[in-house]
């Protein structure tokens, strides 16, 4: 049931709320335990991979899908806590997407550690 595999088969318009840096994946997937330059490079590559997968597997497969990708290292969060590069929260982005038509992808587009929201602390 991993979204990277089933996204291609979604026909119902779907709006994804996703951090591109999930701090649980740092250790579990990447084997990253610290904040060395090499670790940060691995985390940033993970974020780019997540962004690319969302674009390719979800957004490119169906123009009715949308996504809000924030750059904060977190595993879960709140609708109003993070803002995209235009200053819109996920809730505002979802409302725009739902009322349509407009852009599909709302993103902060920041490298880890994102100083504007999480400052690399995993919060």
PDB file of N, CA and C in Angstrom:
ATOM      1  N   UNK A   1       0.815  -1.205   0.000  1.00  0.00           N
ATOM      2  CA  UNK A   1       0.000   0.000   0.000  1.00  0.00           C
ATOM      3  C   UNK A   1       0.857   1.267   0.000  1.00  0.00           C
ATOM      4  N   UNK A   2       2.110   1.178  -0.393  1.00  0.00           N
ATOM      5  CA  UNK A   2       2.956   2.359  -0.458  1.00  0.00           C
ATOM      6  C   UNK A   2       2.522   3.250  -1.615  1.00  0.00           C
ATOM      7  N   UNK A   3       2.393   4.518  -1.333  1.00  0.00           N
ATOM      8  CA  UNK A   3       1.849   5.452  -2.322  1.00  0.00           C
ATOM      9  C   UNK A   3       2.682   5.541  -3.593  1.00  0.00           C
ATOM     10  N   UNK A   4       3.985   5.352  -3.508  1.00  0.00           N
ATOM     11  CA  UNK A   4       4.795   5.439  -4.718  1.00  0.00           C
ATOM     12  C   UNK A   4       4.433   4.351  -5.727  1.00  0.00           C
ATOM     13  N   UNK A   5       3.801   3.285  -5.265  1.00  0.00           N
ATOM     14  CA  UNK A   5       3.399   2.212  -6.161  1.00  0.00           C
ATOM     15  C   UNK A   5       1.936   2.301  -6.577  1.00  0.00           C
ATOM     16  N   UNK A   6       1.065   2.766  -5.694  1.00  0.00           N
ATOM     17  CA  UNK A   6      -0.357   2.779  -6.059  1.00  0.00           C
ATOM     18  C   UNK A   6      -0.831   4.120  -6.611  1.00  0.00           C
ATOM     19  N   UNK A   7      -0.014   5.161  -6.570  1.00  0.00           N
ATOM     20  CA  UNK A   7      -0.429   6.483  -7.056  1.00  0.00           C
ATOM     21  C   UNK A   7      -0.830   6.447  -8.532  1.00  0.00           C
ATOM     22  N   UNK A   8      -0.156   5.647  -9.310  1.00  0.00           N
ATOM     23  CA  UNK A   8      -0.469   5.557 -10.739  1.00  0.00           C
ATOM     24  C   UNK A   8      -1.874   5.045 -11.003  1.00  0.00           C
ATOM     25  N   UNK A   9      -2.468   4.376 -10.020  1.00  0.00           N
ATOM     26  CA  UNK A   9      -3.772   3.752 -10.206  1.00  0.00           C
ATOM     27  C   UNK A   9      -4.921   4.539  -9.574  1.00  0.00           C
ATOM     28  N   UNK A  10      -4.618   5.695  -8.995  1.00  0.00           N
ATOM     29  CA  UNK A  10      -5.657   6.521  -8.379  1.00  0.00           C
ATOM     30  C   UNK A  10      -6.418   7.284  -9.458  1.00  0.00           C
ATOM     31  N   UNK A  11      -7.716   7.124  -9.482  1.00  0.00           N
ATOM     32  CA  UNK A  11      -8.521   7.899 -10.425  1.00  0.00           C
ATOM     33  C   UNK A  11      -9.286   9.011  -9.712  1.00  0.00           C
ATOM     34  N   UNK A  12      -9.532   8.841  -8.424  1.00  0.00           N
ATOM     35  CA  UNK A  12     -10.185   9.883  -7.634  1.00  0.00           C
ATOM     36  C   UNK A  12      -9.193  11.004  -7.386  1.00  0.00           C
ATOM     37  N   UNK A  13      -9.575  12.263  -7.650  1.00  0.00           N
ATOM     38  CA  UNK A  13      -8.654  13.370  -7.381  1.00  0.00           C
ATOM     39  C   UNK A  13      -8.159  13.312  -5.927  1.00  0.00           C
ATOM     40  N   UNK A  14      -6.853  13.374  -5.771  1.00  0.00           N
ATOM     41  CA  UNK A  14      -6.201  13.194  -4.479  1.00  0.00           C
ATOM     42  C   UNK A  14      -5.263  14.361  -4.207  1.00  0.00           C
ATOM     43  N   UNK A  15      -5.266  14.847  -2.965  1.00  0.00           N
ATOM     44  CA  UNK A  15      -4.355  15.918  -2.552  1.00  0.00           C
ATOM     45  C   UNK A  15      -3.432  15.354  -1.482  1.00  0.00           C
ATOM     46  N   UNK A  16      -2.150  15.329  -1.775  1.00  0.00           N
ATOM     47  CA  UNK A  16      -1.147  14.766  -0.888  1.00  0.00           C
ATOM     48  C   UNK A  16      -0.566  15.850   0.013  1.00  0.00           C
ATOM     49  N   UNK A  17      -0.474  15.557   1.291  1.00  0.00           N
ATOM     50  CA  UNK A  17       0.194  16.424   2.264  1.00  0.00           C
ATOM     51  C   UNK A  17       1.408  15.652   2.760  1.00  0.00           C
ATOM     52  N   UNK A  18       2.611  16.118   2.402  1.00  0.00           N
ATOM     53  CA  UNK A  18       3.798  15.308   2.622  1.00  0.00           C
ATOM     54  C   UNK A  18       5.031  16.163   2.917  1.00  0.00           C
ATOM     55  N   UNK A  19       5.779  15.816   3.981  1.00  0.00           N
ATOM     56  CA  UNK A  19       7.095  16.441   4.142  1.00  0.00           C
ATOM     57  C   UNK A  19       8.087  15.728   3.216  1.00  0.00           C
ATOM     58  N   UNK A  20       9.027  16.458   2.647  1.00  0.00           N
ATOM     59  CA  UNK A  20      10.017  15.780   1.811  1.00  0.00           C
ATOM     60  C   UNK A  20      11.173  15.250   2.642  1.00  0.00           C
ATOM     61  N   UNK A  21      11.261  15.686   3.890  1.00  0.00           N
ATOM     62  CA  UNK A  21      12.286  15.190   4.815  1.00  0.00           C
ATOM     63  C   UNK A  21      11.594  14.595   6.031  1.00  0.00           C
ATOM     64  N   UNK A  22      11.459  13.291   6.065  1.00  0.00           N
ATOM     65  CA  UNK A  22      10.841  12.600   7.188  1.00  0.00           C
ATOM     66  C   UNK A  22      11.961  12.107   8.096  1.00  0.00           C
ATOM     67  N   UNK A  23      12.097  12.714   9.272  1.00  0.00           N
ATOM     68  CA  UNK A  23      13.235  12.407  10.135  1.00  0.00           C
ATOM     69  C   UNK A  23      13.303  10.942  10.546  1.00  0.00           C
ATOM     70  N   UNK A  24      12.188  10.226  10.523  1.00  0.00           N
ATOM     71  CA  UNK A  24      12.240   8.797  10.823  1.00  0.00           C
ATOM     72  C   UNK A  24      13.000   8.033   9.734  1.00  0.00           C
ATOM     73  N   UNK A  25      12.921   8.539   8.500  1.00  0.00           N
ATOM     74  CA  UNK A  25      13.613   7.888   7.393  1.00  0.00           C
ATOM     75  C   UNK A  25      15.111   8.159   7.390  1.00  0.00           C
ATOM     76  N   UNK A  26      15.543   9.215   8.075  1.00  0.00           N
ATOM     77  CA  UNK A  26      16.970   9.524   8.098  1.00  0.00           C
ATOM     78  C   UNK A  26      17.765   8.309   8.575  1.00  0.00           C
ATOM     79  N   UNK A  27      17.388   7.752   9.698  1.00  0.00           N
ATOM     80  CA  UNK A  27      18.102   6.599  10.250  1.00  0.00           C
ATOM     81  C   UNK A  27      17.644   5.290   9.623  1.00  0.00           C
ATOM     82  N   UNK A  28      16.319   5.131   9.469  1.00  0.00           N
ATOM     83  CA  UNK A  28      15.776   3.855   9.013  1.00  0.00           C
ATOM     84  C   UNK A  28      16.118   3.534   7.565  1.00  0.00           C
ATOM     85  N   UNK A  29      16.094   4.523   6.696  1.00  0.00           N
ATOM     86  CA  UNK A  29      16.329   4.298   5.274  1.00  0.00           C
ATOM     87  C   UNK A  29      17.750   4.657   4.863  1.00  0.00           C
ATOM     88  N   UNK A  30      18.233   5.798   5.366  1.00  0.00           N
ATOM     89  CA  UNK A  30      19.528   6.305   4.927  1.00  0.00           C
ATOM     90  C   UNK A  30      20.700   5.897   5.813  1.00  0.00           C
ATOM     91  N   UNK A  31      20.413   5.483   7.044  1.00  0.00           N
ATOM     92  CA  UNK A  31      21.482   5.197   7.984  1.00  0.00           C
ATOM     93  C   UNK A  31      22.190   6.452   8.452  1.00  0.00           C
ATOM     94  N   UNK A  32      21.473   7.572   8.455  1.00  0.00           N
ATOM     95  CA  UNK A  32      22.026   8.870   8.845  1.00  0.00           C
ATOM     96  C   UNK A  32      21.724   9.107  10.313  1.00  0.00           C
ATOM     97  N   UNK A  33      22.749   9.400  11.083  1.00  0.00           N
ATOM     98  CA  UNK A  33      22.572   9.579  12.519  1.00  0.00           C
ATOM     99  C   UNK A  33      22.995  10.960  12.991  1.00  0.00           C
ATOM    100  N   UNK A  34      23.680  11.719  12.177  1.00  0.00           N
ATOM    101  CA  UNK A  34      24.193  13.021  12.606  1.00  0.00           C
ATOM    102  C   UNK A  34      23.903  14.110  11.601  1.00  0.00           C
ATOM    103  N   UNK A  35      24.626  15.200  11.731  1.00  0.00           N
ATOM    104  CA  UNK A  35      24.442  16.334  10.824  1.00  0.00           C
ATOM    105  C   UNK A  35      25.732  16.676  10.092  1.00  0.00           C
ATOM    106  N   UNK A  36      26.517  15.659   9.725  1.00  0.00           N
ATOM    107  CA  UNK A  36      27.729  15.910   8.946  1.00  0.00           C
ATOM    108  C   UNK A  36      27.326  16.351   7.541  1.00  0.00           C
ATOM    109  N   UNK A  37      28.278  16.899   6.808  1.00  0.00           N
ATOM    110  CA  UNK A  37      28.005  17.332   5.437  1.00  0.00           C
ATOM    111  C   UNK A  37      27.536  16.155   4.582  1.00  0.00           C
ATOM    112  N   UNK A  38      28.138  14.989   4.789  1.00  0.00           N
ATOM    113  CA  UNK A  38      27.734  13.798   4.020  1.00  0.00           C
ATOM    114  C   UNK A  38      26.305  13.382   4.363  1.00  0.00           C
ATOM    115  N   UNK A  39      25.947  13.446   5.646  1.00  0.00           N
ATOM    116  CA  UNK A  39      24.589  13.098   6.068  1.00  0.00           C
ATOM    117  C   UNK A  39      23.578  14.075   5.474  1.00  0.00           C
ATOM    118  N   UNK A  40      23.894  15.348   5.526  1.00  0.00           N
ATOM    119  CA  UNK A  40      22.985  16.372   4.987  1.00  0.00           C
ATOM    120  C   UNK A  40      22.819  16.196   3.485  1.00  0.00           C
ATOM    121  N   UNK A  41      23.879  15.840   2.786  1.00  0.00           N
ATOM    122  CA  UNK A  41      23.782  15.589   1.342  1.00  0.00           C
ATOM    123  C   UNK A  41      22.840  14.418   1.064  1.00  0.00           C
ATOM    124  N   UNK A  42      22.933  13.355   1.871  1.00  0.00           N
ATOM    125  CA  UNK A  42      22.032  12.198   1.709  1.00  0.00           C
ATOM    126  C   UNK A  42      20.579  12.600   1.953  1.00  0.00           C
ATOM    127  N   UNK A  43      20.349  13.410   2.987  1.00  0.00           N
ATOM    128  CA  UNK A  43      18.991  13.855   3.315  1.00  0.00           C
ATOM    129  C   UNK A  43      18.433  14.710   2.182  1.00  0.00           C
ATOM    130  N   UNK A  44      19.241  15.615   1.641  1.00  0.00           N
ATOM    131  CA  UNK A  44      18.769  16.452   0.541  1.00  0.00           C
ATOM    132  C   UNK A  44      18.472  15.628  -0.708  1.00  0.00           C
ATOM    133  N   UNK A  45      19.246  14.583  -0.946  1.00  0.00           N
ATOM    134  CA  UNK A  45      18.958  13.698  -2.081  1.00  0.00           C
ATOM    135  C   UNK A  45      17.640  12.964  -1.851  1.00  0.00           C
ATOM    136  N   UNK A  46      17.399  12.525  -0.610  1.00  0.00           N
ATOM    137  CA  UNK A  46      16.119  11.900  -0.273  1.00  0.00           C
ATOM    138  C   UNK A  46      14.966  12.860  -0.576  1.00  0.00           C
ATOM    139  N   UNK A  47      15.099  14.112  -0.163  1.00  0.00           N
ATOM    140  CA  UNK A  47      14.051  15.104  -0.429  1.00  0.00           C
ATOM    141  C   UNK A  47      13.796  15.301  -1.911  1.00  0.00           C
ATOM    142  N   UNK A  48      14.869  15.327  -2.704  1.00  0.00           N
ATOM    143  CA  UNK A  48      14.709  15.467  -4.154  1.00  0.00           C
ATOM    144  C   UNK A  48      14.032  14.239  -4.735  1.00  0.00           C
ATOM    145  N   UNK A  49      14.400  13.061  -4.224  1.00  0.00           N
ATOM    146  CA  UNK A  49      13.762  11.823  -4.693  1.00  0.00           C
ATOM    147  C   UNK A  49      12.269  11.811  -4.380  1.00  0.00           C
ATOM    148  N   UNK A  50      11.892  12.244  -3.177  1.00  0.00           N
ATOM    149  CA  UNK A  50      10.474  12.314  -2.803  1.00  0.00           C
ATOM    150  C   UNK A  50       9.731  13.268  -3.739  1.00  0.00           C
ATOM    151  N   UNK A  51      10.312  14.444  -3.957  1.00  0.00           N
ATOM    152  CA  UNK A  51       9.685  15.433  -4.846  1.00  0.00           C
ATOM    153  C   UNK A  51       9.523  14.868  -6.257  1.00  0.00           C
ATOM    154  N   UNK A  52      10.560  14.241  -6.773  1.00  0.00           N
ATOM    155  CA  UNK A  52      10.502  13.665  -8.123  1.00  0.00           C
ATOM    156  C   UNK A  52       9.452  12.564  -8.218  1.00  0.00           C
ATOM    157  N   UNK A  53       9.381  11.700  -7.200  1.00  0.00           N
ATOM    158  CA  UNK A  53       8.380  10.634  -7.207  1.00  0.00           C
ATOM    159  C   UNK A  53       6.960  11.178  -7.170  1.00  0.00           C
ATOM    160  N   UNK A  54       6.723  12.190  -6.344  1.00  0.00           N
ATOM    161  CA  UNK A  54       5.388  12.793  -6.273  1.00  0.00           C
ATOM    162  C   UNK A  54       5.022  13.377  -7.637  1.00  0.00           C
ATOM    163  N   UNK A  55       5.962  14.079  -8.257  1.00  0.00           N
ATOM    164  CA  UNK A  55       5.689  14.674  -9.566  1.00  0.00           C
ATOM    165  C   UNK A  55       5.393  13.596 -10.603  1.00  0.00           C
ATOM    166  N   UNK A  56       6.266  12.620 -10.683  1.00  0.00           N
ATOM    167  CA  UNK A  56       6.155  11.587 -11.719  1.00  0.00           C
ATOM    168  C   UNK A  56       4.999  10.620 -11.471  1.00  0.00           C
ATOM    169  N   UNK A  57       4.902  10.098 -10.253  1.00  0.00           N
ATOM    170  CA  UNK A  57       3.943   9.033  -9.978  1.00  0.00           C
ATOM    171  C   UNK A  57       2.530   9.535  -9.693  1.00  0.00           C
ATOM    172  N   UNK A  58       2.404  10.758  -9.180  1.00  0.00           N
ATOM    173  CA  UNK A  58       1.076  11.256  -8.818  1.00  0.00           C
ATOM    174  C   UNK A  58       0.616  12.371  -9.747  1.00  0.00           C
ATOM    175  N   UNK A  59       1.364  13.452  -9.794  1.00  0.00           N
ATOM    176  CA  UNK A  59       0.899  14.642 -10.514  1.00  0.00           C
ATOM    177  C   UNK A  59       0.915  14.462 -12.026  1.00  0.00           C
ATOM    178  N   UNK A  60       1.968  13.860 -12.570  1.00  0.00           N
ATOM    179  CA  UNK A  60       2.030  13.656 -14.018  1.00  0.00           C
ATOM    180  C   UNK A  60       1.044  12.598 -14.496  1.00  0.00           C
ATOM    181  N   UNK A  61       0.644  11.702 -13.594  1.00  0.00           N
ATOM    182  CA  UNK A  61      -0.258  10.615 -13.998  1.00  0.00           C
ATOM    183  C   UNK A  61      -1.711  11.067 -14.101  1.00  0.00           C
ATOM    184  N   UNK A  62      -2.050  12.172 -13.438  1.00  0.00           N
ATOM    185  CA  UNK A  62      -3.438  12.647 -13.460  1.00  0.00           C
ATOM    186  C   UNK A  62      -3.457  14.131 -13.098  1.00  0.00           C
ATOM    187  N   UNK A  63      -3.891  14.959 -14.019  1.00  0.00           N
ATOM    188  CA  UNK A  63      -3.905  16.412 -13.817  1.00  0.00           C
ATOM    189  C   UNK A  63      -4.856  16.845 -12.706  1.00  0.00           C
ATOM    190  N   UNK A  64      -5.711  15.949 -12.231  1.00  0.00           N
ATOM    191  CA  UNK A  64      -6.658  16.296 -11.164  1.00  0.00           C
ATOM    192  C   UNK A  64      -6.053  16.167  -9.772  1.00  0.00           C
ATOM    193  N   UNK A  65      -4.876  15.542  -9.651  1.00  0.00           N
ATOM    194  CA  UNK A  65      -4.226  15.389  -8.359  1.00  0.00           C
ATOM    195  C   UNK A  65      -3.489  16.671  -7.973  1.00  0.00           C
ATOM    196  N   UNK A  66      -3.249  16.828  -6.669  1.00  0.00           N
ATOM    197  CA  UNK A  66      -2.480  17.953  -6.160  1.00  0.00           C
ATOM    198  C   UNK A  66      -1.634  17.517  -4.984  1.00  0.00           C
ATOM    199  N   UNK A  67      -0.683  18.385  -4.597  1.00  0.00           N
ATOM    200  CA  UNK A  67       0.201  18.028  -3.481  1.00  0.00           C
ATOM    201  C   UNK A  67       0.735  19.278  -2.801  1.00  0.00           C
ATOM    202  N   UNK A  68       0.933  19.154  -1.498  1.00  0.00           N
ATOM    203  CA  UNK A  68       1.614  20.171  -0.693  1.00  0.00           C
ATOM    204  C   UNK A  68       2.830  19.491  -0.084  1.00  0.00           C
ATOM    205  N   UNK A  69       4.020  19.904  -0.514  1.00  0.00           N
ATOM    206  CA  UNK A  69       5.265  19.333  -0.023  1.00  0.00           C
ATOM    207  C   UNK A  69       5.998  20.387   0.786  1.00  0.00           C
ATOM    208  N   UNK A  70       6.150  20.126   2.074  1.00  0.00           N
ATOM    209  CA  UNK A  70       6.911  21.075   2.885  1.00  0.00           C
ATOM    210  C   UNK A  70       8.323  20.544   3.095  1.00  0.00           C
ATOM    211  N   UNK A  71       9.208  21.435   3.517  1.00  0.00           N
ATOM    212  CA  UNK A  71      10.634  21.122   3.651  1.00  0.00           C
ATOM    213  C   UNK A  71      11.069  20.936   5.090  1.00  0.00           C
ATOM    214  N   UNK A  72      10.133  20.728   5.976  1.00  0.00           N
ATOM    215  CA  UNK A  72      10.468  20.574   7.390  1.00  0.00           C
ATOM    216  C   UNK A  72      10.658  19.098   7.724  1.00  0.00           C
ATOM    217  N   UNK A  73      11.681  18.823   8.522  1.00  0.00           N
ATOM    218  CA  UNK A  73      11.952  17.450   8.923  1.00  0.00           C
ATOM    219  C   UNK A  73      10.934  17.058   9.984  1.00  0.00           C
ATOM    220  N   UNK A  74       9.985  16.233   9.568  1.00  0.00           N
ATOM    221  CA  UNK A  74       8.908  15.830  10.481  1.00  0.00           C
ATOM    222  C   UNK A  74       8.308  14.532   9.981  1.00  0.00           C
ATOM    223  N   UNK A  75       7.579  13.887  10.863  1.00  0.00           N
ATOM    224  CA  UNK A  75       6.847  12.690  10.467  1.00  0.00           C
ATOM    225  C   UNK A  75       5.358  12.989  10.351  1.00  0.00           C
ATOM    226  N   UNK A  76       4.856  13.934  11.106  1.00  0.00           N
ATOM    227  CA  UNK A  76       3.475  14.382  10.985  1.00  0.00           C
ATOM    228  C   UNK A  76       3.412  15.841  11.404  1.00  0.00           C
ATOM    229  N   UNK A  77       2.313  16.488  11.128  1.00  0.00           N
ATOM    230  CA  UNK A  77       2.206  17.907  11.446  1.00  0.00           C
ATOM    231  C   UNK A  77       0.788  18.409  11.300  1.00  0.00           C
ATOM    232  N   UNK A  78       0.642  19.692  11.344  1.00  0.00           N
ATOM    233  CA  UNK A  78      -0.672  20.327  11.309  1.00  0.00           C
ATOM    234  C   UNK A  78      -0.881  21.077   9.997  1.00  0.00           C
ATOM    235  N   UNK A  79      -2.125  21.199   9.604  1.00  0.00           N
ATOM    236  CA  UNK A  79      -2.470  21.885   8.356  1.00  0.00           C
ATOM    237  C   UNK A  79      -1.949  23.314   8.306  1.00  0.00           C
ATOM    238  N   UNK A  80      -2.003  24.032   9.404  1.00  0.00           N
ATOM    239  CA  UNK A  80      -1.636  25.446   9.377  1.00  0.00           C
ATOM    240  C   UNK A  80      -0.221  25.742   9.801  1.00  0.00           C
ATOM    241  N   UNK A  81       0.580  24.715  10.064  1.00  0.00           N
ATOM    242  CA  UNK A  81       1.904  24.922  10.625  1.00  0.00           C
ATOM    243  C   UNK A  81       2.955  25.319   9.590  1.00  0.00           C
ATOM    244  N   UNK A  82       2.847  24.851   8.363  1.00  0.00           N
ATOM    245  CA  UNK A  82       3.869  25.049   7.346  1.00  0.00           C
ATOM    246  C   UNK A  82       3.308  25.851   6.184  1.00  0.00           C
ATOM    247  N   UNK A  83       4.178  26.647   5.547  1.00  0.00           N
ATOM    248  CA  UNK A  83       3.746  27.465   4.404  1.00  0.00           C
ATOM    249  C   UNK A  83       4.610  27.163   3.196  1.00  0.00           C
ATOM    250  N   UNK A  84       3.998  27.267   2.010  1.00  0.00           N
ATOM    251  CA  UNK A  84       4.752  27.052   0.782  1.00  0.00           C
ATOM    252  C   UNK A  84       5.542  28.311   0.436  1.00  0.00           C
ATOM    253  N   UNK A  85       6.222  28.291  -0.706  1.00  0.00           N
ATOM    254  CA  UNK A  85       7.065  29.422  -1.077  1.00  0.00           C
ATOM    255  C   UNK A  85       6.265  30.683  -1.385  1.00  0.00           C
ATOM    256  N   UNK A  86       4.949  30.568  -1.533  1.00  0.00           N
ATOM    257  CA  UNK A  86       4.077  31.735  -1.736  1.00  0.00           C
ATOM    258  C   UNK A  86       3.397  32.167  -0.445  1.00  0.00           C
ATOM    259  N   UNK A  87       3.730  31.528   0.684  1.00  0.00           N
ATOM    260  CA  UNK A  87       3.154  31.884   1.976  1.00  0.00           C
ATOM    261  C   UNK A  87       1.807  31.250   2.275  1.00  0.00           C
ATOM    262  N   UNK A  88       1.421  30.239   1.501  1.00  0.00           N
ATOM    263  CA  UNK A  88       0.131  29.568   1.707  1.00  0.00           C
ATOM    264  C   UNK A  88       0.308  28.349   2.600  1.00  0.00           C
ATOM    265  N   UNK A  89      -0.588  28.198   3.554  1.00  0.00           N
ATOM    266  CA  UNK A  89      -0.585  26.986   4.377  1.00  0.00           C
ATOM    267  C   UNK A  89      -1.159  25.834   3.559  1.00  0.00           C
ATOM    268  N   UNK A  90      -0.990  24.625   4.069  1.00  0.00           N
ATOM    269  CA  UNK A  90      -1.544  23.454   3.399  1.00  0.00           C
ATOM    270  C   UNK A  90      -3.061  23.553   3.288  1.00  0.00           C
ATOM    271  N   UNK A  91      -3.704  24.109   4.304  1.00  0.00           N
ATOM    272  CA  UNK A  91      -5.164  24.245   4.267  1.00  0.00           C
ATOM    273  C   UNK A  91      -5.603  25.187   3.151  1.00  0.00           C
ATOM    274  N   UNK A  92      -4.904  26.295   2.989  1.00  0.00           N
ATOM    275  CA  UNK A  92      -5.234  27.246   1.915  1.00  0.00           C
ATOM    276  C   UNK A  92      -4.952  26.610   0.555  1.00  0.00           C
ATOM    277  N   UNK A  93      -3.822  25.921   0.448  1.00  0.00           N
ATOM    278  CA  UNK A  93      -3.485  25.248  -0.806  1.00  0.00           C
ATOM    279  C   UNK A  93      -4.542  24.207  -1.167  1.00  0.00           C
ATOM    280  N   UNK A  94      -4.965  23.427  -0.171  1.00  0.00           N
ATOM    281  CA  UNK A  94      -5.995  22.426  -0.425  1.00  0.00           C
ATOM    282  C   UNK A  94      -7.286  23.079  -0.899  1.00  0.00           C
ATOM    283  N   UNK A  95      -7.686  24.161  -0.256  1.00  0.00           N
ATOM    284  CA  UNK A  95      -8.912  24.847  -0.665  1.00  0.00           C
ATOM    285  C   UNK A  95      -8.811  25.341  -2.103  1.00  0.00           C
ATOM    286  N   UNK A  96      -7.693  25.943  -2.472  1.00  0.00           N
ATOM    287  CA  UNK A  96      -7.496  26.395  -3.855  1.00  0.00           C
ATOM    288  C   UNK A  96      -7.573  25.222  -4.826  1.00  0.00           C
ATOM    289  N   UNK A  97      -6.864  24.153  -4.490  1.00  0.00           N
ATOM    290  CA  UNK A  97      -6.847  22.981  -5.356  1.00  0.00           C
ATOM    291  C   UNK A  97      -8.256  22.391  -5.491  1.00  0.00           C
ATOM    292  N   UNK A  98      -8.961  22.298  -4.378  1.00  0.00           N
ATOM    293  CA  UNK A  98     -10.294  21.702  -4.376  1.00  0.00           C
ATOM    294  C   UNK A  98     -11.266  22.502  -5.236  1.00  0.00           C
ATOM    295  N   UNK A  99     -11.184  23.818  -5.152  1.00  0.00           N
ATOM    296  CA  UNK A  99     -12.081  24.668  -5.935  1.00  0.00           C
ATOM    297  C   UNK A  99     -11.670  24.717  -7.396  1.00  0.00           C
ATOM    298  N   UNK A 100     -10.376  24.459  -7.680  1.00  0.00           N
ATOM    299  CA  UNK A 100      -9.790  24.344  -9.012  1.00  0.00           C
ATOM    300  C   UNK A 100     -10.196  25.410  -9.993  1.00  0.00           C
ATOM    301  N   UNK A 101      -9.693  25.394 -11.174  1.00  0.00           N
ATOM    302  CA  UNK A 101      -8.418  24.795 -11.564  1.00  0.00           C
ATOM    303  C   UNK A 101      -7.255  25.753 -11.255  1.00  0.00           C
ATOM    304  N   UNK A 102      -6.129  25.224 -10.915  1.00  0.00           N
ATOM    305  CA  UNK A 102      -4.928  25.994 -10.612  1.00  0.00           C
ATOM    306  C   UNK A 102      -3.732  25.056 -10.587  1.00  0.00           C
ATOM    307  N   UNK A 103      -2.646  25.523 -10.046  1.00  0.00           N
ATOM    308  CA  UNK A 103      -1.454  24.673 -10.041  1.00  0.00           C
ATOM    309  C   UNK A 103      -1.668  23.423  -9.196  1.00  0.00           C
ATOM    310  N   UNK A 104      -0.915  22.399  -9.500  1.00  0.00           N
ATOM    311  CA  UNK A 104      -1.009  21.132  -8.784  1.00  0.00           C
ATOM    312  C   UNK A 104      -0.092  21.079  -7.578  1.00  0.00           C
ATOM    313  N   UNK A 105       1.104  21.649  -7.694  1.00  0.00           N
ATOM    314  CA  UNK A 105       2.133  21.451  -6.678  1.00  0.00           C
ATOM    315  C   UNK A 105       2.386  22.732  -5.885  1.00  0.00           C
ATOM    316  N   UNK A 106       2.199  22.619  -4.575  1.00  0.00           N
ATOM    317  CA  UNK A 106       2.525  23.676  -3.627  1.00  0.00           C
ATOM    318  C   UNK A 106       3.727  23.159  -2.837  1.00  0.00           C
ATOM    319  N   UNK A 107       4.805  23.910  -2.800  1.00  0.00           N
ATOM    320  CA  UNK A 107       6.013  23.418  -2.151  1.00  0.00           C
ATOM    321  C   UNK A 107       6.809  24.542  -1.505  1.00  0.00           C
ATOM    322  N   UNK A 108       7.527  24.200  -0.433  1.00  0.00           N
ATOM    323  CA  UNK A 108       8.449  25.148   0.173  1.00  0.00           C
ATOM    324  C   UNK A 108       9.732  25.222  -0.634  1.00  0.00           C
ATOM    325  N   UNK A 109      10.133  24.087  -1.190  1.00  0.00           N
ATOM    326  CA  UNK A 109      11.310  24.016  -2.049  1.00  0.00           C
ATOM    327  C   UNK A 109      12.580  24.496  -1.355  1.00  0.00           C
ATOM    328  N   UNK A 110      12.821  24.013  -0.141  1.00  0.00           N
ATOM    329  CA  UNK A 110      14.001  24.384   0.642  1.00  0.00           C
ATOM    330  C   UNK A 110      14.890  23.166   0.855  1.00  0.00           C
ATOM    331  N   UNK A 111      16.176  23.404   0.977  1.00  0.00           N
ATOM    332  CA  UNK A 111      17.138  22.352   1.300  1.00  0.00           C
ATOM    333  C   UNK A 111      17.129  22.109   2.807  1.00  0.00           C
ATOM    334  N   UNK A 112      17.483  20.894   3.208  1.00  0.00           N
ATOM    335  CA  UNK A 112      17.617  20.548   4.608  1.00  0.00           C
ATOM    336  C   UNK A 112      18.969  21.047   5.118  1.00  0.00           C
ATOM    337  N   UNK A 113      19.042  21.586   6.314  1.00  0.00           N
ATOM    338  CA  UNK A 113      17.935  21.896   7.233  1.00  0.00           C
ATOM    339  C   UNK A 113      17.267  23.208   6.847  1.00  0.00           C
ATOM    340  N   UNK A 114      15.953  23.180   6.817  1.00  0.00           N
ATOM    341  CA  UNK A 114      15.153  24.345   6.432  1.00  0.00           C
ATOM    342  C   UNK A 114      15.117  25.334   7.589  1.00  0.00           C
ATOM    343  N   UNK A 115      15.840  26.405   7.480  1.00  0.00           N
ATOM    344  CA  UNK A 115      15.961  27.377   8.573  1.00  0.00           C
ATOM    345  C   UNK A 115      14.646  28.128   8.823  1.00  0.00           C
ATOM    346  N   UNK A 116      13.761  28.156   7.840  1.00  0.00           N
ATOM    347  CA  UNK A 116      12.526  28.924   8.013  1.00  0.00           C
ATOM    348  C   UNK A 116      11.465  28.208   8.835  1.00  0.00           C
ATOM    349  N   UNK A 117      11.607  26.882   9.022  1.00  0.00           N
ATOM    350  CA  UNK A 117      10.555  26.217   9.811  1.00  0.00           C
ATOM    351  C   UNK A 117      11.087  25.217  10.814  1.00  0.00           C
ATOM    352  N   UNK A 118      11.991  24.346  10.423  1.00  0.00           N
ATOM    353  CA  UNK A 118      12.394  23.299  11.361  1.00  0.00           C
ATOM    354  C   UNK A 118      13.811  23.473  11.877  1.00  0.00           C
ATOM    355  N   UNK A 119      14.596  24.244  11.178  1.00  0.00           N
ATOM    356  CA  UNK A 119      15.979  24.494  11.547  1.00  0.00           C
ATOM    357  C   UNK A 119      16.740  23.207  11.786  1.00  0.00           C
ATOM    358  N   UNK A 120      16.320  22.157  11.058  1.00  0.00           N
ATOM    359  CA  UNK A 120      17.030  20.893  11.110  1.00  0.00           C
ATOM    360  C   UNK A 120      16.896  20.130  12.417  1.00  0.00           C
ATOM    361  N   UNK A 121      15.916  20.475  13.219  1.00  0.00           N
ATOM    362  CA  UNK A 121      15.784  19.843  14.528  1.00  0.00           C
ATOM    363  C   UNK A 121      14.897  18.621  14.512  1.00  0.00           C
ATOM    364  N   UNK A 122      14.192  18.371  13.394  1.00  0.00           N
ATOM    365  CA  UNK A 122      13.272  17.238  13.343  1.00  0.00           C
ATOM    366  C   UNK A 122      11.920  17.561  13.913  1.00  0.00           C
ATOM    367  N   UNK A 123      11.644  18.824  14.191  1.00  0.00           N
ATOM    368  CA  UNK A 123      10.334  19.182  14.731  1.00  0.00           C
ATOM    369  C   UNK A 123       9.447  19.774  13.670  1.00  0.00           C
TER     370      UNK A 123
END
